[in-house]
């Protein structure tokens, strides 16, 4: 899974993790390889044409993060 960490001029910085080790890595992807409009926090998936936003996974992760934030605010 690739998570958009930040968007620079012509480069997208994504965070990925190795499922076997849990190691987190940062990667650079040229903006020209991105097929959709993207925002920080979006989840990307690789396609034959480049990288696209995984709308369902992005929505799911945003909902999980919003729930965590609400829980922290209640403590």
Protein backbone atom coordinates (compact mmCIF):
# COMPACT_ATOMS: atom_id res chain seq x y z
CA UNK A 1 0.00 0.00 0.00
CA UNK A 2 1.29 3.44 -0.91
CA UNK A 3 0.14 6.43 1.14
CA UNK A 4 0.72 9.94 -0.19
CA UNK A 5 2.89 11.66 2.42
CA UNK A 6 3.42 14.93 0.60
CA UNK A 7 3.23 16.51 -2.79
CA UNK A 8 6.22 18.41 -4.10
CA UNK A 9 6.44 20.29 -7.40
CA UNK A 10 6.99 17.37 -9.77
CA UNK A 11 7.37 14.55 -7.26
CA UNK A 12 5.01 12.67 -4.99
CA UNK A 13 6.51 11.30 -1.77
CA UNK A 14 4.77 8.12 -0.66
CA UNK A 15 5.08 5.93 2.39
CA UNK A 16 5.06 2.18 1.98
CA UNK A 17 5.62 -0.64 4.42
CA UNK A 18 6.99 -4.12 4.02
CA UNK A 19 4.24 -6.46 5.28
CA UNK A 20 6.76 -9.12 6.32
CA UNK A 21 8.99 -6.86 8.41
CA UNK A 22 6.83 -3.82 9.09
CA UNK A 23 9.67 -1.61 7.86
CA UNK A 24 8.41 1.77 6.63
CA UNK A 25 10.03 3.27 3.56
CA UNK A 26 9.61 6.55 1.74
CA UNK A 27 9.62 6.53 -2.06
CA UNK A 28 9.52 9.22 -4.72
CA UNK A 29 7.14 8.89 -7.65
CA UNK A 30 7.19 11.31 -10.58
CA UNK A 31 3.98 13.34 -10.71
CA UNK A 32 3.56 12.36 -14.38
CA UNK A 33 2.98 8.75 -13.26
CA UNK A 34 -0.09 9.76 -11.23
CA UNK A 35 -3.34 9.34 -13.17
CA UNK A 36 -5.72 11.16 -10.82
CA UNK A 37 -5.87 14.33 -8.78
CA UNK A 38 -4.34 13.41 -5.43
CA UNK A 39 -4.20 14.75 -1.90
CA UNK A 40 -2.02 14.01 1.10
CA UNK A 41 -3.22 10.84 2.79
CA UNK A 42 -4.62 9.26 -0.39
CA UNK A 43 -3.93 5.58 -0.96
CA UNK A 44 -2.42 4.76 -4.36
CA UNK A 45 -2.50 1.54 -6.31
CA UNK A 46 -0.35 0.65 -9.29
CA UNK A 47 -2.08 0.13 -12.62
CA UNK A 48 -0.74 -0.67 -16.07
CA UNK A 49 -0.86 3.06 -16.92
CA UNK A 50 0.67 4.41 -13.67
CA UNK A 51 -0.69 5.05 -10.18
CA UNK A 52 -4.34 5.73 -9.35
CA UNK A 53 -6.14 6.67 -6.16
CA UNK A 54 -7.77 3.70 -4.44
CA UNK A 55 -10.97 5.54 -3.54
CA UNK A 56 -12.43 2.79 -1.35
CA UNK A 57 -9.25 2.28 0.69
CA UNK A 58 -8.69 6.04 1.01
CA UNK A 59 -12.24 6.52 2.30
CA UNK A 60 -11.84 3.62 4.74
CA UNK A 61 -8.53 4.95 6.11
CA UNK A 62 -9.88 8.50 6.48
CA UNK A 63 -12.86 7.15 8.47
CA UNK A 64 -10.56 5.12 10.71
CA UNK A 65 -8.35 8.15 11.34
CA UNK A 66 -11.36 10.35 12.11
CA UNK A 67 -12.58 7.75 14.63
CA UNK A 68 -9.15 7.63 16.31
CA UNK A 69 -9.13 11.42 16.55
CA UNK A 70 -12.59 11.44 18.16
CA UNK A 71 -11.43 8.82 20.68
CA UNK A 72 -8.37 10.88 21.57
CA UNK A 73 -10.49 14.00 22.05
CA UNK A 74 -12.78 12.13 24.45
CA UNK A 75 -9.91 11.02 26.71
